[in-house]
Amino acid sequence: MNKLTDWLVESFVKDIDEDINIPVKVGDTILVGKFKNKKMVIRDIGKDDHGMP
């Protein structure tokens, strides 16, 4: 690759490699559903069978 593509790929990867932190703990109550009107208690924080958080 040339310098331009290396620079573009490097900046793109740097932008994507960010961490999203949500301040919730096990036992907190959050609103879920289409209209965010159903309360749900967080049981655990992890990944499901498909690797999704």
PDB file of N, CA and C in Angstrom:
ATOM      1  N   MET A   1       0.830  -1.180   0.000  1.00  0.00           N
ATOM      2  CA  MET A   1       0.000   0.000   0.000  1.00  0.00           C
ATOM      3  C   MET A   1       0.876   1.245   0.000  1.00  0.00           C
ATOM      4  N   ASN A   2       0.296   2.292  -0.474  1.00  0.00           N
ATOM      5  CA  ASN A   2       1.064   3.533  -0.471  1.00  0.00           C
ATOM      6  C   ASN A   2       0.784   4.329   0.805  1.00  0.00           C
ATOM      7  N   LYS A   3       1.427   5.472   0.938  1.00  0.00           N
ATOM      8  CA  LYS A   3       1.328   6.260   2.167  1.00  0.00           C
ATOM      9  C   LYS A   3      -0.088   6.768   2.414  1.00  0.00           C
ATOM     10  N   LEU A   4      -0.791   7.134   1.348  1.00  0.00           N
ATOM     11  CA  LEU A   4      -2.139   7.668   1.508  1.00  0.00           C
ATOM     12  C   LEU A   4      -3.087   6.616   2.080  1.00  0.00           C
ATOM     13  N   THR A   5      -3.062   5.426   1.517  1.00  0.00           N
ATOM     14  CA  THR A   5      -3.958   4.387   2.026  1.00  0.00           C
ATOM     15  C   THR A   5      -3.569   3.971   3.442  1.00  0.00           C
ATOM     16  N   ASP A   6      -2.276   3.923   3.739  1.00  0.00           N
ATOM     17  CA  ASP A   6      -1.846   3.611   5.103  1.00  0.00           C
ATOM     18  C   ASP A   6      -2.367   4.652   6.084  1.00  0.00           C
ATOM     19  N   TRP A   7      -2.279   5.919   5.715  1.00  0.00           N
ATOM     20  CA  TRP A   7      -2.743   6.999   6.580  1.00  0.00           C
ATOM     21  C   TRP A   7      -4.256   6.925   6.783  1.00  0.00           C
ATOM     22  N   LEU A   8      -4.999   6.662   5.695  1.00  0.00           N
ATOM     23  CA  LEU A   8      -6.454   6.573   5.796  1.00  0.00           C
ATOM     24  C   LEU A   8      -6.882   5.387   6.658  1.00  0.00           C
ATOM     25  N   VAL A   9      -6.260   4.247   6.452  1.00  0.00           N
ATOM     26  CA  VAL A   9      -6.608   3.058   7.227  1.00  0.00           C
ATOM     27  C   VAL A   9      -6.260   3.270   8.692  1.00  0.00           C
ATOM     28  N   GLU A  10      -5.113   3.857   8.973  1.00  0.00           N
ATOM     29  CA  GLU A  10      -4.693   4.091  10.349  1.00  0.00           C
ATOM     30  C   GLU A  10      -5.654   5.032  11.070  1.00  0.00           C
ATOM     31  N   SER A  11      -6.059   6.111  10.419  1.00  0.00           N
ATOM     32  CA  SER A  11      -6.982   7.051  11.058  1.00  0.00           C
ATOM     33  C   SER A  11      -8.365   6.431  11.222  1.00  0.00           C
ATOM     34  N   PHE A  12      -8.783   5.601  10.271  1.00  0.00           N
ATOM     35  CA  PHE A  12     -10.085   4.936  10.359  1.00  0.00           C
ATOM     36  C   PHE A  12     -10.110   3.954  11.519  1.00  0.00           C
ATOM     37  N   VAL A  13      -9.069   3.167  11.671  1.00  0.00           N
ATOM     38  CA  VAL A  13      -8.996   2.190  12.755  1.00  0.00           C
ATOM     39  C   VAL A  13      -8.929   2.912  14.098  1.00  0.00           C
ATOM     40  N   LYS A  14      -8.220   4.020  14.159  1.00  0.00           N
ATOM     41  CA  LYS A  14      -8.112   4.774  15.395  1.00  0.00           C
ATOM     42  C   LYS A  14      -9.477   5.316  15.822  1.00  0.00           C
ATOM     43  N   ASP A  15     -10.300   5.754  14.855  1.00  0.00           N
ATOM     44  CA  ASP A  15     -11.630   6.267  15.172  1.00  0.00           C
ATOM     45  C   ASP A  15     -12.564   5.159  15.634  1.00  0.00           C
ATOM     46  N   ILE A  16     -12.454   3.985  15.047  1.00  0.00           N
ATOM     47  CA  ILE A  16     -13.343   2.881  15.388  1.00  0.00           C
ATOM     48  C   ILE A  16     -12.964   2.257  16.726  1.00  0.00           C
ATOM     49  N   ASP A  17     -11.717   2.282  17.084  1.00  0.00           N
ATOM     50  CA  ASP A  17     -11.226   1.614  18.289  1.00  0.00           C
ATOM     51  C   ASP A  17     -11.478   2.479  19.529  1.00  0.00           C
ATOM     52  N   GLU A  18     -12.755   2.789  19.786  1.00  0.00           N
ATOM     53  CA  GLU A  18     -13.098   3.565  20.962  1.00  0.00           C
ATOM     54  C   GLU A  18     -13.888   2.686  21.925  1.00  0.00           C
ATOM     55  N   ASP A  19     -13.906   3.075  23.156  1.00  0.00           N
ATOM     56  CA  ASP A  19     -14.572   2.304  24.193  1.00  0.00           C
ATOM     57  C   ASP A  19     -15.810   3.064  24.647  1.00  0.00           C
ATOM     58  N   ILE A  20     -16.943   2.377  24.707  1.00  0.00           N
ATOM     59  CA  ILE A  20     -18.187   2.993  25.145  1.00  0.00           C
ATOM     60  C   ILE A  20     -18.486   2.483  26.545  1.00  0.00           C
ATOM     61  N   ASN A  21     -18.517   3.379  27.504  1.00  0.00           N
ATOM     62  CA  ASN A  21     -18.784   3.010  28.892  1.00  0.00           C
ATOM     63  C   ASN A  21     -20.141   3.555  29.305  1.00  0.00           C
ATOM     64  N   ILE A  22     -20.993   2.674  29.816  1.00  0.00           N
ATOM     65  CA  ILE A  22     -22.304   3.068  30.310  1.00  0.00           C
ATOM     66  C   ILE A  22     -22.296   2.831  31.817  1.00  0.00           C
ATOM     67  N   PRO A  23     -22.590   3.854  32.614  1.00  0.00           N
ATOM     68  CA  PRO A  23     -22.482   3.712  34.076  1.00  0.00           C
ATOM     69  C   PRO A  23     -23.653   2.952  34.696  1.00  0.00           C
ATOM     70  N   VAL A  24     -23.731   1.643  34.450  1.00  0.00           N
ATOM     71  CA  VAL A  24     -24.761   0.802  35.064  1.00  0.00           C
ATOM     72  C   VAL A  24     -24.084  -0.338  35.806  1.00  0.00           C
ATOM     73  N   LYS A  25     -24.759  -0.819  36.837  1.00  0.00           N
ATOM     74  CA  LYS A  25     -24.250  -1.928  37.632  1.00  0.00           C
ATOM     75  C   LYS A  25     -25.328  -2.994  37.728  1.00  0.00           C
ATOM     76  N   VAL A  26     -24.941  -4.175  38.159  1.00  0.00           N
ATOM     77  CA  VAL A  26     -25.901  -5.254  38.381  1.00  0.00           C
ATOM     78  C   VAL A  26     -26.852  -4.808  39.490  1.00  0.00           C
ATOM     79  N   GLY A  27     -28.144  -4.959  39.232  1.00  0.00           N
ATOM     80  CA  GLY A  27     -29.157  -4.553  40.197  1.00  0.00           C
ATOM     81  C   GLY A  27     -29.813  -3.226  39.860  1.00  0.00           C
ATOM     82  N   ASP A  28     -29.232  -2.460  38.940  1.00  0.00           N
ATOM     83  CA  ASP A  28     -29.841  -1.199  38.512  1.00  0.00           C
ATOM     84  C   ASP A  28     -31.091  -1.477  37.691  1.00  0.00           C
ATOM     85  N   THR A  29     -32.014  -0.532  37.692  1.00  0.00           N
ATOM     86  CA  THR A  29     -33.238  -0.644  36.909  1.00  0.00           C
ATOM     87  C   THR A  29     -33.118   0.264  35.694  1.00  0.00           C
ATOM     88  N   ILE A  30     -33.376  -0.305  34.504  1.00  0.00           N
ATOM     89  CA  ILE A  30     -33.334   0.470  33.264  1.00  0.00           C
ATOM     90  C   ILE A  30     -34.675   0.338  32.557  1.00  0.00           C
ATOM     91  N   LEU A  31     -34.934   1.258  31.630  1.00  0.00           N
ATOM     92  CA  LEU A  31     -36.158   1.212  30.841  1.00  0.00           C
ATOM     93  C   LEU A  31     -35.858   0.553  29.507  1.00  0.00           C
ATOM     94  N   VAL A  32     -36.688  -0.418  29.101  1.00  0.00           N
ATOM     95  CA  VAL A  32     -36.487  -1.155  27.857  1.00  0.00           C
ATOM     96  C   VAL A  32     -37.776  -1.152  27.055  1.00  0.00           C
ATOM     97  N   GLY A  33     -37.712  -1.668  25.864  1.00  0.00           N
ATOM     98  CA  GLY A  33     -38.886  -1.779  25.006  1.00  0.00           C
ATOM     99  C   GLY A  33     -38.891  -0.704  23.933  1.00  0.00           C
ATOM    100  N   LYS A  34     -39.840  -0.807  23.043  1.00  0.00           N
ATOM    101  CA  LYS A  34     -39.937   0.119  21.914  1.00  0.00           C
ATOM    102  C   LYS A  34     -40.114   1.554  22.387  1.00  0.00           C
ATOM    103  N   PHE A  35     -40.937   1.744  23.403  1.00  0.00           N
ATOM    104  CA  PHE A  35     -41.219   3.091  23.887  1.00  0.00           C
ATOM    105  C   PHE A  35     -40.511   3.394  25.203  1.00  0.00           C
ATOM    106  N   LYS A  36     -39.572   2.537  25.606  1.00  0.00           N
ATOM    107  CA  LYS A  36     -38.807   2.693  26.851  1.00  0.00           C
ATOM    108  C   LYS A  36     -39.735   2.897  28.046  1.00  0.00           C
ATOM    109  N   ASN A  37     -40.768   2.047  28.137  1.00  0.00           N
ATOM    110  CA  ASN A  37     -41.732   2.176  29.220  1.00  0.00           C
ATOM    111  C   ASN A  37     -41.803   0.939  30.111  1.00  0.00           C
ATOM    112  N   LYS A  38     -40.942  -0.039  29.887  1.00  0.00           N
ATOM    113  CA  LYS A  38     -40.934  -1.250  30.706  1.00  0.00           C
ATOM    114  C   LYS A  38     -39.666  -1.261  31.547  1.00  0.00           C
ATOM    115  N   LYS A  39     -39.823  -1.427  32.850  1.00  0.00           N
ATOM    116  CA  LYS A  39     -38.667  -1.455  33.735  1.00  0.00           C
ATOM    117  C   LYS A  39     -38.088  -2.858  33.777  1.00  0.00           C
ATOM    118  N   MET A  40     -36.756  -2.936  33.778  1.00  0.00           N
ATOM    119  CA  MET A  40     -36.067  -4.219  33.854  1.00  0.00           C
ATOM    120  C   MET A  40     -34.848  -4.060  34.757  1.00  0.00           C
ATOM    121  N   VAL A  41     -34.604  -5.056  35.594  1.00  0.00           N
ATOM    122  CA  VAL A  41     -33.454  -5.048  36.489  1.00  0.00           C
ATOM    123  C   VAL A  41     -32.312  -5.780  35.804  1.00  0.00           C
ATOM    124  N   ILE A  42     -31.117  -5.202  35.846  1.00  0.00           N
ATOM    125  CA  ILE A  42     -29.941  -5.816  35.228  1.00  0.00           C
ATOM    126  C   ILE A  42     -29.504  -6.995  36.086  1.00  0.00           C
ATOM    127  N   ARG A  43     -29.503  -8.205  35.497  1.00  0.00           N
ATOM    128  CA  ARG A  43     -29.111  -9.419  36.215  1.00  0.00           C
ATOM    129  C   ARG A  43     -27.616  -9.675  36.112  1.00  0.00           C
ATOM    130  N   ASP A  44     -27.055  -9.501  34.905  1.00  0.00           N
ATOM    131  CA  ASP A  44     -25.622  -9.684  34.722  1.00  0.00           C
ATOM    132  C   ASP A  44     -25.179  -8.861  33.525  1.00  0.00           C
ATOM    133  N   ILE A  45     -23.885  -8.628  33.454  1.00  0.00           N
ATOM    134  CA  ILE A  45     -23.304  -7.876  32.347  1.00  0.00           C
ATOM    135  C   ILE A  45     -22.324  -8.802  31.651  1.00  0.00           C
ATOM    136  N   GLY A  46     -22.562  -9.064  30.372  1.00  0.00           N
ATOM    137  CA  GLY A  46     -21.697  -9.973  29.639  1.00  0.00           C
ATOM    138  C   GLY A  46     -22.148 -10.082  28.200  1.00  0.00           C
ATOM    139  N   LYS A  47     -21.808 -11.198  27.573  1.00  0.00           N
ATOM    140  CA  LYS A  47     -22.156 -11.435  26.176  1.00  0.00           C
ATOM    141  C   LYS A  47     -23.115 -12.611  26.080  1.00  0.00           C
ATOM    142  N   ASP A  48     -23.970 -12.590  25.046  1.00  0.00           N
ATOM    143  CA  ASP A  48     -24.901 -13.688  24.843  1.00  0.00           C
ATOM    144  C   ASP A  48     -24.270 -14.768  23.967  1.00  0.00           C
ATOM    145  N   ASP A  49     -25.081 -15.716  23.512  1.00  0.00           N
ATOM    146  CA  ASP A  49     -24.577 -16.836  22.715  1.00  0.00           C
ATOM    147  C   ASP A  49     -23.977 -16.393  21.391  1.00  0.00           C
ATOM    148  N   HIS A  50     -24.423 -15.247  20.878  1.00  0.00           N
ATOM    149  CA  HIS A  50     -23.948 -14.746  19.590  1.00  0.00           C
ATOM    150  C   HIS A  50     -22.787 -13.764  19.728  1.00  0.00           C
ATOM    151  N   GLY A  51     -22.313 -13.538  20.930  1.00  0.00           N
ATOM    152  CA  GLY A  51     -21.188 -12.646  21.153  1.00  0.00           C
ATOM    153  C   GLY A  51     -21.574 -11.181  21.243  1.00  0.00           C
ATOM    154  N   MET A  52     -22.868 -10.910  21.371  1.00  0.00           N
ATOM    155  CA  MET A  52     -23.326  -9.529  21.466  1.00  0.00           C
ATOM    156  C   MET A  52     -23.444  -9.138  22.941  1.00  0.00           C
ATOM    157  N   PRO A  53     -23.127  -7.889  23.260  1.00  0.00           N
ATOM    158  CA  PRO A  53     -23.240  -7.465  24.667  1.00  0.00           C
ATOM    159  C   PRO A  53     -24.678  -7.326  25.120  1.00  0.00           C
TER     160      PRO A  53
END
